[in-house]
Amino acid sequence: MLIAGTLLFAAPAFAQTKVEERSIGDLQSAMAKGTSSEAITRAYLARIAAMDRAGPTLRSVIAINPDALAQARASDARRRAKKTLGPLDGVPILIKDNIETLDPVATTAGSLALKDNITHRDAPVVANLRAAGAVILGKTNLSEWANIRSTSSMSGWSGIGGLVRNPYALDRTSCGSSSGSGAAIAASFAAAALGTETDGSVVCPSSMNGLVGLKPTVGLVSRTYVVPISHSQDTPGPMARSVRDVALLFSGMVGVDAADPATANAAKYVRDYAKGLSTAALKGVRVAVLRPDMPKAMKLVYDAALADLKQAGAILIEVEQPKAEGMGDAEFDVLKTELKADLDTYLASTPAAVKTRTLDQVIAFDTAHSATEMPFFGQELFVMAAKTKGLSDAEYLGSRAKSLRLAGAEGIDAMLKTAKATILVEPTVGLPWLSDSVSGDHSGGPSASDLPAIAGYPHLTVPMGLVKGLPVGLSFIATAYDDQKALEAGYAYEQVSKKRAAPRYLPVADAGPGLDGVR
């Protein structure tokens, strides 16, 4: 039933255990006072049943882990024995469905080609969180193959999971590719989630679902047993409703993995990232500020965010972004080449039940199952990637060197040096656009993801408000391995601004007439 623009549902069975909008700290406090992890886990499962499979039908969760309740009971037993494992023990989290877990569920990347990919392997990042006591609640929907299949894709759609809907306005995109993680955590289907990013896939869905999301420095978090796109740019990242919760989850993710050479130096950065969070972190700190083109209504929100940064004590220095001519084309060459090499390597490691063992075989599968796999858009990016010449190709190597230089030394590092700053801020991305099965994505407005994604630098997004009911985020970007500084700056801003608002599950955006960039 629809009343006053808000969808209403029958009272759910989990009402006795409140989980909506509860932080990790709230849940730990409740468990310390006697609420069981099992009760909390059951409450999240009931909420998913009431709202993801029914109600607004967000389609954000692709699979429930049948072992979740057993994991919660094990946590309760540890708590009774006074042997808790830390701040994540007993806390239910969701995992993007391109990250393997040893639980009896498939890791599909959203594709029917991987519906039998039950590996019984934990990705090291999941193993780390499991060792910290986190309850693996289930897997989240995503843009199929992490949005690398087509130039005209519809973010948030997968052959297995259907289209994820934005809980702030059900007709709007949840962005991608970590669409399900974004929508699910906005809707309080778990305390936090893992996403993955190659370029924008953590920060965009975090921004558009009113969340905090961190794309870490590449090499701090293992990518082993994560369905790949690019070993140069891929990384898992934490998504939650607050900076502290992101920092808590991130603290359990960082670590060395012998199978992922990029993590060789990660041991130096294993720490409690939540411990250093302080409201005073921006006092006297020089912050480089970019002012990209954006809709007028969004500019008002951004100006307010800059005022909040000043209130937190930051010294704002405006800078201009270098032109970086040819960077996008160079990145595209890198992603195509690494997709072919990396995906072939991954597929060769999957169980025998998976019949698509190469990118070429995935392309053939999609063609043979076009009615279910390609009802809205094709696979031209897959076809382009299949024609690349390998990781020793001189053109590929030149493109990687060029994109890395333009994004890093001559991009982010140059802007920070000009401003004598350690943090760069700008709007994360534009407003959530209408989900469009005919034309695909048609985003407009600013995007902060390219430079930190290509350079491999940390990128944190924090809610900076709503524009006609639609969330927008503020980006905090730092140089390599300065993830702590990005989190500290984002936390200090968050505590002054307090701009996150819970979703209302409106059927359409509350746009009103004449709002630039919304309709």
Protein backbone atom coordinates (compact mmCIF):
# COMPACT_ATOMS: atom_id res chain seq x y z
CA MET A 1 0.00 0.00 0.00
CA LEU A 2 1.24 3.50 -0.85
CA ILE A 3 0.50 6.38 1.54
CA ALA A 4 2.02 9.85 1.26
CA GLY A 5 4.72 8.64 -1.12
CA THR A 6 6.08 5.98 1.26
CA LEU A 7 5.74 2.21 0.94
CA LEU A 8 4.30 0.60 4.07
CA PHE A 9 4.63 -3.05 5.06
CA ALA A 10 3.18 -5.40 7.60
CA ALA A 11 5.00 -5.43 10.96
CA PRO A 12 7.94 -7.84 10.55
CA ALA A 13 8.67 -10.78 12.80
CA PHE A 14 12.04 -9.35 13.84
CA ALA A 15 10.46 -6.39 15.72
CA GLN A 16 11.70 -7.61 19.09
CA THR A 17 15.35 -7.28 17.99
CA LYS A 18 15.94 -3.90 16.41
CA VAL A 19 18.60 -3.86 13.71
CA GLU A 20 17.57 -0.90 11.56
CA GLU A 21 20.29 1.79 11.46
CA ARG A 22 22.30 0.07 14.20
CA SER A 23 26.06 0.45 14.11
CA ILE A 24 28.62 -2.25 14.84
CA GLY A 25 29.18 -0.58 18.21
CA ASP A 26 25.43 -0.66 18.93
CA LEU A 27 25.29 -4.37 18.13
CA GLN A 28 28.30 -5.12 20.32
CA SER A 29 26.73 -3.18 23.17
CA ALA A 30 23.49 -5.14 22.75
CA MET A 31 25.35 -8.46 22.78
CA ALA A 32 27.28 -7.40 25.88
CA LYS A 33 23.91 -6.82 27.57
CA GLY A 34 22.53 -10.21 26.63
CA THR A 35 21.12 -9.99 23.10
CA SER A 36 22.46 -12.96 21.17
CA SER A 37 24.19 -12.85 17.81
CA GLU A 38 21.66 -15.48 16.75
CA ALA A 39 18.77 -13.10 17.52
CA ILE A 40 20.49 -10.30 15.61
CA THR A 41 21.18 -12.59 12.66
CA ARG A 42 17.57 -13.79 12.62
CA ALA A 43 16.40 -10.18 12.68
CA TYR A 44 18.49 -9.33 9.63
CA LEU A 45 17.25 -12.44 7.82
CA ALA A 46 13.64 -11.48 8.59
CA ARG A 47 14.27 -7.95 7.35
CA ILE A 48 15.72 -9.29 4.09
CA ALA A 49 12.70 -11.55 3.63
CA ALA A 50 10.31 -8.68 4.31
CA MET A 51 11.97 -6.03 2.16
CA ASP A 52 14.40 -7.56 -0.33
CA ARG A 53 12.24 -10.45 -1.53
CA ALA A 54 8.94 -8.62 -0.79
CA GLY A 55 7.97 -5.05 0.13
CA PRO A 56 10.06 -2.66 -1.97
CA THR A 57 11.78 -5.70 -3.53
CA LEU A 58 15.29 -4.25 -3.59
CA ARG A 59 16.85 -7.45 -5.00
CA SER A 60 20.10 -6.58 -3.23
CA VAL A 61 20.85 -10.00 -1.72
CA ILE A 62 21.62 -12.76 -4.19
CA ALA A 63 21.96 -15.66 -1.71
CA ILE A 64 21.55 -16.36 2.00
CA ASN A 65 24.28 -18.36 3.70
CA PRO A 66 22.66 -21.50 5.20
CA ASP A 67 25.47 -21.60 7.78
CA ALA A 68 24.89 -18.05 9.06
CA LEU A 69 22.88 -19.06 12.13
CA ALA A 70 25.45 -21.70 13.06
CA GLN A 71 28.17 -19.04 12.87
CA ALA A 72 26.09 -16.76 15.08
CA ARG A 73 25.59 -19.53 17.65
CA ALA A 74 29.35 -20.16 17.67
CA SER A 75 29.88 -16.48 18.43
CA ASP A 76 27.37 -16.66 21.26
CA ALA A 77 29.25 -19.64 22.70
CA ARG A 78 32.51 -17.68 22.58
CA ARG A 79 30.86 -14.77 24.36
CA ARG A 80 29.52 -17.04 27.11
CA ALA A 81 33.03 -18.44 27.52
CA LYS A 82 34.47 -14.89 27.61
CA LYS A 83 36.56 -15.63 24.51
CA THR A 84 35.23 -13.06 22.05
CA LEU A 85 37.46 -12.31 19.10
CA GLY A 86 37.06 -8.54 18.90
CA PRO A 87 34.68 -5.84 17.66
CA LEU A 88 33.42 -7.89 14.69
CA ASP A 89 32.59 -11.04 16.66
CA GLY A 90 28.95 -11.97 16.12
CA VAL A 91 28.31 -9.10 13.70
CA PRO A 92 26.49 -10.13 10.49
CA ILE A 93 28.04 -8.86 7.26
CA LEU A 94 27.28 -9.35 3.57
CA ILE A 95 29.79 -10.22 0.84
CA LYS A 96 29.62 -9.09 -2.78
CA ASP A 97 29.00 -12.12 -4.98
CA ASN A 98 32.28 -11.92 -6.85
CA ILE A 99 34.17 -12.79 -3.64
CA GLU A 100 34.44 -16.47 -2.73
CA THR A 101 33.39 -17.87 0.64
CA LEU A 102 33.81 -21.43 1.86
CA ASP A 103 30.11 -21.54 2.73
CA PRO A 104 27.88 -23.74 0.54
CA VAL A 105 26.86 -20.96 -1.85
CA ALA A 106 28.05 -20.19 -5.36
CA THR A 107 30.23 -17.22 -6.27
CA THR A 108 28.61 -16.11 -9.50
CA ALA A 109 29.66 -12.54 -10.32
CA GLY A 110 25.96 -12.34 -11.22
CA SER A 111 26.37 -14.58 -14.27
CA LEU A 112 24.52 -17.80 -15.00
CA ALA A 113 27.83 -19.07 -16.39
CA LEU A 114 29.06 -19.32 -12.78
CA LYS A 115 25.88 -20.64 -11.14
CA ASP A 116 27.72 -23.84 -10.18
CA ASN A 117 30.84 -22.08 -8.88
CA ILE A 118 30.66 -23.46 -5.34
CA THR A 119 34.35 -23.47 -4.51
CA HIS A 120 34.33 -24.08 -0.73
CA ARG A 121 37.22 -21.60 -0.60
CA ASP A 122 37.41 -18.47 1.49
CA ALA A 123 38.96 -15.50 -0.23
CA PRO A 124 41.69 -14.43 2.22
CA VAL A 125 39.81 -11.19 2.91
CA VAL A 126 36.78 -13.26 4.00
CA ALA A 127 38.99 -15.66 5.97
CA ASN A 128 40.40 -12.68 7.88
CA LEU A 129 36.91 -11.44 8.76
CA ARG A 130 35.73 -14.94 9.67
CA ALA A 131 38.75 -15.28 11.98
CA ALA A 132 37.64 -12.03 13.63
CA GLY A 133 34.24 -13.61 14.36
CA ALA A 134 32.12 -11.91 11.70
CA VAL A 135 28.97 -13.80 10.68
CA ILE A 136 28.85 -14.28 6.89
CA LEU A 137 25.16 -13.59 6.31
CA GLY A 138 25.05 -14.01 2.54
CA LYS A 139 26.08 -12.66 -0.85
CA THR A 140 24.99 -9.43 -2.53
CA ASN A 141 23.81 -8.80 -6.06
CA LEU A 142 26.02 -6.76 -8.40
CA SER A 143 26.38 -5.40 -11.88
CA GLU A 144 27.14 -8.62 -13.75
CA TRP A 145 30.86 -9.36 -14.09
CA ALA A 146 31.46 -6.19 -12.05
CA ASN A 147 30.18 -4.03 -14.94
CA ILE A 148 32.91 -4.92 -17.45
CA ARG A 149 30.77 -6.73 -20.03
CA SER A 150 29.24 -3.89 -22.07
CA THR A 151 29.56 -0.19 -22.81
CA SER A 152 25.76 0.13 -22.55
CA SER A 153 25.19 -1.84 -19.37
CA MET A 154 22.54 -1.09 -16.77
CA SER A 155 24.29 -0.81 -13.39
CA GLY A 156 22.94 -3.17 -10.75
CA TRP A 157 21.55 -5.77 -13.18
CA SER A 158 22.70 -9.37 -13.28
CA GLY A 159 21.38 -12.48 -14.97
CA ILE A 160 21.08 -14.25 -11.63
CA GLY A 161 19.89 -11.45 -9.36
CA GLY A 162 17.90 -9.11 -11.60
CA LEU A 163 18.02 -5.33 -11.08
CA VAL A 164 18.97 -3.84 -7.71
CA ARG A 165 16.75 -0.91 -6.76
CA ASN A 166 17.87 2.17 -4.85
CA PRO A 167 16.14 2.30 -1.43
CA TYR A 168 15.97 6.10 -1.54
CA ALA A 169 13.94 6.04 -4.77
CA LEU A 170 13.07 2.70 -6.30
CA ASP A 171 13.19 4.01 -9.87
CA ARG A 172 16.83 5.11 -9.47
CA THR A 173 20.10 3.30 -9.94
CA SER A 174 22.10 1.98 -7.01
CA CYS A 175 25.17 2.46 -9.21
CA GLY A 176 27.69 -0.33 -9.48
CA SER A 177 29.17 -2.62 -9.55
CA SER A 178 28.73 -3.13 -5.78
CA SER A 179 25.06 -2.27 -6.20
CA GLY A 180 23.66 -4.92 -3.89
CA SER A 181 26.14 -4.13 -1.13
CA GLY A 182 25.13 -0.47 -1.33
CA ALA A 183 21.37 -1.01 -1.32
CA ALA A 184 21.49 -3.76 1.32
CA ILE A 185 23.47 -1.77 3.87
CA ALA A 186 21.40 1.37 3.25
CA ALA A 187 18.34 -0.77 4.02
CA SER A 188 19.97 -2.26 7.17
CA PHE A 189 20.08 -5.84 5.87
CA ALA A 190 23.43 -6.24 7.69
CA ALA A 191 25.80 -4.10 9.70
CA ALA A 192 28.29 -3.70 6.83
CA ALA A 193 29.32 -5.29 3.54
CA LEU A 194 32.25 -5.96 1.28
CA GLY A 195 32.28 -4.45 -2.17
CA THR A 196 34.99 -4.45 -4.81
CA GLU A 197 36.28 -1.65 -6.99
CA THR A 198 38.23 -1.39 -10.21
CA ASP A 199 37.10 2.17 -10.95
CA GLY A 200 34.18 3.55 -8.94
CA SER A 201 32.52 0.30 -7.91
CA VAL A 202 32.75 0.90 -4.15
CA VAL A 203 32.53 4.68 -3.98
CA CYS A 204 29.72 5.20 -6.52
CA PRO A 205 27.19 2.79 -4.93
CA SER A 206 28.23 4.05 -1.50
CA SER A 207 27.58 7.66 -2.54
CA MET A 208 24.27 6.86 -4.25
CA ASN A 209 23.00 4.78 -1.32
CA GLY A 210 23.90 7.26 1.41
CA LEU A 211 26.82 5.20 2.74
CA VAL A 212 30.45 5.51 3.68
CA GLY A 213 32.69 3.45 1.41
CA LEU A 214 36.46 3.02 1.23
CA LYS A 215 38.38 2.03 -1.87
CA PRO A 216 41.69 1.14 -0.16
CA THR A 217 45.21 1.51 -1.43
CA VAL A 218 45.69 -1.36 -3.86
CA GLY A 219 47.82 -3.96 -2.09
CA LEU A 220 46.43 -3.61 1.43
CA VAL A 221 43.67 -6.19 0.89
CA SER A 222 44.10 -9.51 -0.91
CA ARG A 223 42.34 -10.15 -4.24
CA THR A 224 42.86 -13.92 -4.24
CA TYR A 225 39.62 -15.80 -5.05
CA VAL A 226 37.92 -12.60 -6.13
CA VAL A 227 36.55 -12.77 -9.69
CA PRO A 228 38.95 -10.34 -11.37
CA ILE A 229 39.01 -7.52 -13.86
CA SER A 230 42.42 -5.91 -13.37
CA HIS A 231 45.29 -6.82 -11.06
CA SER A 232 46.50 -3.22 -11.42
CA GLN A 233 43.30 -1.67 -10.04
CA ASP A 234 41.08 -4.29 -8.35
CA THR A 235 40.56 -4.22 -4.58
CA PRO A 236 37.87 -5.22 -2.10
CA GLY A 237 36.59 -2.37 0.05
CA PRO A 238 34.34 -1.94 3.13
CA MET A 239 30.90 -0.29 2.93
CA ALA A 240 28.83 0.76 5.96
CA ARG A 241 26.64 3.52 7.37
CA SER A 242 29.42 5.34 9.26
CA VAL A 243 33.14 6.02 9.01
CA ARG A 244 33.77 4.17 12.27
CA ASP A 245 32.03 1.03 10.99
CA VAL A 246 34.03 1.19 7.75
CA ALA A 247 37.23 1.56 9.77
CA LEU A 248 36.31 -1.42 11.98
CA LEU A 249 35.61 -3.65 8.99
CA PHE A 250 38.72 -2.43 7.16
CA SER A 251 40.87 -3.24 10.19
CA GLY A 252 39.89 -6.89 9.78
CA MET A 253 40.56 -6.94 6.03
CA VAL A 254 44.17 -5.74 5.73
CA GLY A 255 46.84 -8.42 5.51
CA VAL A 256 49.59 -10.15 3.55
CA ASP A 257 48.63 -12.92 1.12
CA ALA A 258 51.46 -14.90 -0.45
CA ALA A 259 49.26 -15.61 -3.46
CA ASP A 260 48.80 -11.87 -4.15
CA PRO A 261 52.21 -10.19 -4.59
CA ALA A 262 50.63 -6.73 -4.37
CA THR A 263 50.09 -7.32 -0.62
CA ALA A 264 53.80 -7.90 0.14
CA ASN A 265 54.03 -4.71 2.25
CA ALA A 266 50.58 -4.94 3.85
CA ALA A 267 51.89 -6.17 7.22
CA LYS A 268 53.16 -2.65 7.95
CA TYR A 269 49.60 -1.37 7.70
CA VAL A 270 47.76 -3.92 9.85
CA ARG A 271 46.25 -1.85 12.65
CA ASP A 272 43.06 -0.71 14.35
CA TYR A 273 41.93 1.96 11.90
CA ALA A 274 39.07 3.01 14.18
CA LYS A 275 41.32 3.77 17.13
CA GLY A 276 42.73 7.03 15.75
CA LEU A 277 39.42 8.56 14.68
CA SER A 278 38.96 12.00 16.23
CA THR A 279 36.74 15.04 15.76
CA ALA A 280 39.95 17.12 15.88
CA ALA A 281 41.60 15.36 12.93
CA LEU A 282 41.04 18.29 10.52
CA LYS A 283 42.13 21.13 12.81
CA GLY A 284 44.81 23.11 10.97
CA VAL A 285 44.99 20.54 8.17
CA ARG A 286 45.42 21.84 4.62
CA VAL A 287 42.86 20.29 2.27
CA ALA A 288 43.03 20.56 -1.52
CA VAL A 289 39.62 21.32 -3.02
CA LEU A 290 38.39 20.61 -6.55
CA ARG A 291 35.31 22.37 -7.96
CA PRO A 292 34.09 20.31 -10.94
CA ASP A 293 30.97 21.13 -12.93
CA MET A 294 27.78 19.87 -11.29
CA PRO A 295 24.04 20.59 -11.14
CA LYS A 296 23.13 23.77 -9.26
CA ALA A 297 21.26 21.94 -6.52
CA MET A 298 24.24 19.67 -5.95
CA LYS A 299 26.59 22.67 -5.83
CA LEU A 300 24.62 24.05 -2.88
CA VAL A 301 25.16 20.80 -0.99
CA TYR A 302 28.87 20.80 -1.88
CA ASP A 303 29.28 24.40 -0.70
CA ALA A 304 27.66 23.41 2.60
CA ALA A 305 30.09 20.48 2.88
CA LEU A 306 33.05 22.81 2.37
CA ALA A 307 31.66 25.05 5.11
CA ASP A 308 31.46 22.00 7.39
CA LEU A 309 35.09 21.19 6.62
CA LYS A 310 36.04 24.72 7.66
CA GLN A 311 34.01 24.34 10.84
CA ALA A 312 35.99 21.17 11.55
CA GLY A 313 39.16 23.26 11.33
CA ALA A 314 40.36 22.51 7.80
CA ILE A 315 42.25 25.06 5.72
CA LEU A 316 40.81 24.83 2.20
CA ILE A 317 43.07 25.40 -0.81
CA GLU A 318 41.42 25.33 -4.23
CA VAL A 319 43.29 23.47 -6.97
CA GLU A 320 42.67 22.60 -10.61
CA GLN A 321 42.78 19.05 -11.90
CA PRO A 322 45.48 18.44 -14.53
CA LYS A 323 44.10 17.66 -17.97
CA ALA A 324 45.67 14.17 -18.07
CA GLU A 325 45.11 13.85 -21.82
CA GLY A 326 44.81 10.25 -22.95
CA MET A 327 44.54 8.81 -19.43
CA GLY A 328 41.09 7.31 -19.99
CA ASP A 329 42.09 5.57 -23.21
CA ALA A 330 45.22 4.21 -21.53
CA GLU A 331 43.18 2.88 -18.61
CA PHE A 332 40.78 1.22 -21.04
CA ASP A 333 43.68 -0.58 -22.75
CA VAL A 334 44.91 -1.80 -19.36
CA LEU A 335 41.50 -3.08 -18.25
CA LYS A 336 40.84 -4.95 -21.51
CA THR A 337 44.22 -6.67 -21.48
CA GLU A 338 44.20 -7.59 -17.80
CA LEU A 339 40.58 -8.78 -17.95
CA LYS A 340 41.49 -11.42 -20.54
CA ALA A 341 44.61 -12.59 -18.70
CA ASP A 342 43.26 -12.43 -15.16
CA LEU A 343 39.82 -13.88 -15.83
CA ASP A 344 41.27 -16.82 -17.78
CA THR A 345 43.54 -17.56 -14.82
CA TYR A 346 40.65 -17.36 -12.36
CA LEU A 347 38.25 -19.48 -14.41
CA ALA A 348 40.87 -22.21 -14.76
CA SER A 349 40.87 -22.52 -10.94
CA THR A 350 37.12 -23.04 -10.55
CA PRO A 351 35.48 -26.43 -9.83
CA ALA A 352 34.88 -28.91 -12.64
CA ALA A 353 31.16 -28.14 -12.49
CA VAL A 354 31.95 -24.75 -14.06
CA LYS A 355 32.10 -25.35 -17.82
CA THR A 356 33.17 -21.85 -18.84
CA ARG A 357 36.95 -22.11 -18.33
CA THR A 358 38.05 -19.11 -20.45
CA LEU A 359 36.76 -15.69 -21.46
CA ASP A 360 36.08 -17.07 -24.95
CA GLN A 361 33.89 -19.77 -23.45
CA VAL A 362 32.00 -17.17 -21.37
CA ILE A 363 31.34 -15.20 -24.56
CA ALA A 364 30.02 -18.36 -26.23
CA PHE A 365 27.84 -19.12 -23.18
CA ASP A 366 26.31 -15.64 -23.23
CA THR A 367 25.59 -15.95 -26.95
CA ALA A 368 23.93 -19.33 -26.46
CA HIS A 369 21.87 -18.01 -23.53
CA SER A 370 21.22 -14.52 -24.86
CA ALA A 371 17.58 -14.44 -23.75
CA THR A 372 18.57 -14.64 -20.07
CA GLU A 373 22.10 -13.23 -20.17
CA MET A 374 21.73 -10.43 -22.71
CA PRO A 375 18.10 -9.20 -22.64
CA PHE A 376 19.13 -5.55 -22.23
CA PHE A 377 22.75 -5.16 -23.34
CA GLY A 378 25.50 -7.13 -25.03
CA GLN A 379 29.09 -8.13 -24.34
CA GLU A 380 31.17 -5.95 -26.64
CA LEU A 381 33.76 -5.28 -23.92
CA PHE A 382 34.27 -9.02 -23.47
CA VAL A 383 34.77 -9.36 -27.23
CA MET A 384 37.32 -6.51 -27.24
CA ALA A 385 39.18 -8.03 -24.29
CA ALA A 386 39.33 -11.45 -25.97
CA LYS A 387 41.30 -9.89 -28.83
CA THR A 388 44.06 -8.37 -26.66
CA LYS A 389 47.66 -9.56 -26.97
CA GLY A 390 48.63 -10.40 -23.40
CA LEU A 391 50.54 -8.93 -20.50
CA SER A 392 53.84 -8.72 -22.40
CA ASP A 393 52.34 -6.58 -25.17
CA ALA A 394 54.30 -3.33 -25.53
CA GLU A 395 51.17 -1.23 -26.11
CA TYR A 396 49.61 -2.53 -22.91
CA LEU A 397 52.78 -1.89 -20.90
CA GLY A 398 52.99 1.65 -22.28
CA SER A 399 49.36 2.30 -21.45
CA ARG A 400 49.80 1.14 -17.87
CA ALA A 401 52.87 3.34 -17.35
CA LYS A 402 51.07 6.33 -18.90
CA SER A 403 47.83 5.97 -16.93
CA LEU A 404 49.71 5.43 -13.67
CA ARG A 405 51.87 8.51 -14.20
CA LEU A 406 48.98 10.77 -15.17
CA ALA A 407 46.75 9.66 -12.30
CA GLY A 408 49.44 9.48 -9.60
CA ALA A 409 52.57 11.59 -9.85
CA GLU A 410 51.08 14.13 -12.28
CA GLY A 411 47.54 13.90 -10.92
CA ILE A 412 46.72 13.41 -7.23
CA ASP A 413 50.29 13.87 -5.99
CA ALA A 414 50.74 17.05 -8.03
CA MET A 415 47.51 18.58 -6.70
CA LEU A 416 48.40 17.73 -3.11
CA LYS A 417 51.87 19.20 -3.61
CA THR A 418 50.47 22.43 -5.08
CA ALA A 419 48.17 22.85 -2.08
CA LYS A 420 50.77 21.57 0.42
CA ALA A 421 47.99 19.26 1.54
CA THR A 422 47.55 15.61 2.52
CA ILE A 423 43.89 15.27 1.54
CA LEU A 424 41.98 16.14 -1.65
CA VAL A 425 38.19 16.60 -1.58
CA GLU A 426 35.54 16.76 -4.29
CA PRO A 427 32.02 15.42 -4.89
CA THR A 428 32.14 11.65 -5.35
CA VAL A 429 29.74 11.32 -8.26
CA GLY A 430 26.55 12.87 -9.61
CA LEU A 431 22.98 12.10 -8.62
CA PRO A 432 21.45 8.64 -9.03
CA TRP A 433 20.02 8.42 -12.52
CA LEU A 434 16.89 6.58 -13.66
CA SER A 435 17.44 2.85 -14.19
CA ASP A 436 17.02 2.44 -17.94
CA SER A 437 16.81 -0.98 -19.58
CA VAL A 438 16.67 0.59 -23.06
CA SER A 439 19.61 3.01 -23.07
CA GLY A 440 21.62 1.73 -20.11
CA ASP A 441 23.48 4.02 -17.74
CA HIS A 442 23.42 7.73 -18.50
CA SER A 443 25.27 9.30 -15.61
CA GLY A 444 25.93 13.01 -15.47
CA GLY A 445 27.79 15.33 -13.16
CA PRO A 446 31.16 14.90 -11.47
CA SER A 447 33.08 11.69 -10.85
CA ALA A 448 36.02 11.45 -8.49
CA SER A 449 36.87 7.78 -8.99
CA ASP A 450 39.24 7.72 -11.98
CA LEU A 451 42.44 9.16 -10.52
CA PRO A 452 42.56 7.19 -7.25
CA ALA A 453 41.40 4.01 -9.02
CA ILE A 454 44.13 4.17 -11.66
CA ALA A 455 46.84 5.31 -9.24
CA GLY A 456 45.80 2.70 -6.67
CA TYR A 457 45.39 5.38 -3.98
CA PRO A 458 42.82 5.41 -1.13
CA HIS A 459 39.43 6.98 -1.80
CA LEU A 460 36.79 7.42 0.90
CA THR A 461 33.27 8.71 0.30
CA VAL A 462 31.11 10.09 3.12
CA PRO A 463 27.46 11.25 2.83
CA MET A 464 27.20 15.01 2.30
CA GLY A 465 23.43 15.25 2.12
CA LEU A 466 20.37 14.70 -0.04
CA VAL A 467 19.36 16.50 -3.20
CA LYS A 468 15.57 16.15 -3.47
CA GLY A 469 15.78 12.94 -1.51
CA LEU A 470 18.71 11.48 -3.46
CA PRO A 471 22.05 10.89 -1.67
CA VAL A 472 25.33 12.47 -2.72
CA GLY A 473 28.77 11.84 -1.28
CA LEU A 474 31.93 13.80 -0.51
CA SER A 475 35.24 12.19 -1.49
CA PHE A 476 38.42 12.20 0.59
CA ILE A 477 41.40 11.15 -1.53
CA ALA A 478 44.97 10.65 -0.29
CA THR A 479 48.25 9.32 -1.64
CA ALA A 480 49.33 5.67 -1.44
CA TYR A 481 49.00 3.99 1.98
CA ASP A 482 47.47 7.10 3.57
CA ASP A 483 44.17 5.29 4.14
CA GLN A 484 44.28 6.24 7.82
CA LYS A 485 44.45 9.95 6.94
CA ALA A 486 41.47 9.63 4.61
CA LEU A 487 39.45 7.87 7.33
CA GLU A 488 40.42 10.43 9.97
CA ALA A 489 39.49 13.37 7.73
CA GLY A 490 36.21 11.71 6.72
CA TYR A 491 35.33 11.00 10.34
CA ALA A 492 36.00 14.58 11.47
CA TYR A 493 33.79 15.85 8.62
CA GLU A 494 31.07 13.29 9.35
CA GLN A 495 30.87 14.29 13.02
CA VAL A 496 30.36 17.97 12.12
CA SER A 497 28.04 17.47 9.15
CA LYS A 498 25.93 14.48 10.26
CA LYS A 499 24.37 14.40 6.81
CA ARG A 500 23.44 10.73 6.46
CA ALA A 501 19.68 10.16 6.30
CA ALA A 502 17.94 6.79 6.31
CA PRO A 503 16.15 5.76 3.09
CA ARG A 504 12.38 6.14 2.69
CA TYR A 505 11.80 3.62 -0.13
CA LEU A 506 9.93 6.14 -2.27
CA PRO A 507 8.58 4.69 -5.53
CA VAL A 508 10.04 7.62 -7.49
CA ALA A 509 12.50 10.38 -6.65
CA ASP A 510 11.05 13.40 -4.87
CA ALA A 511 12.48 15.57 -7.63
CA GLY A 512 10.02 18.40 -8.03
CA PRO A 513 9.96 20.64 -11.10
CA GLY A 514 13.06 22.01 -12.77
CA LEU A 515 15.79 20.36 -10.72
CA ASP A 516 19.00 20.34 -12.73
CA GLY A 517 20.39 16.88 -13.37
CA VAL A 518 17.67 14.84 -11.69
CA ARG A 519 15.15 14.14 -14.43
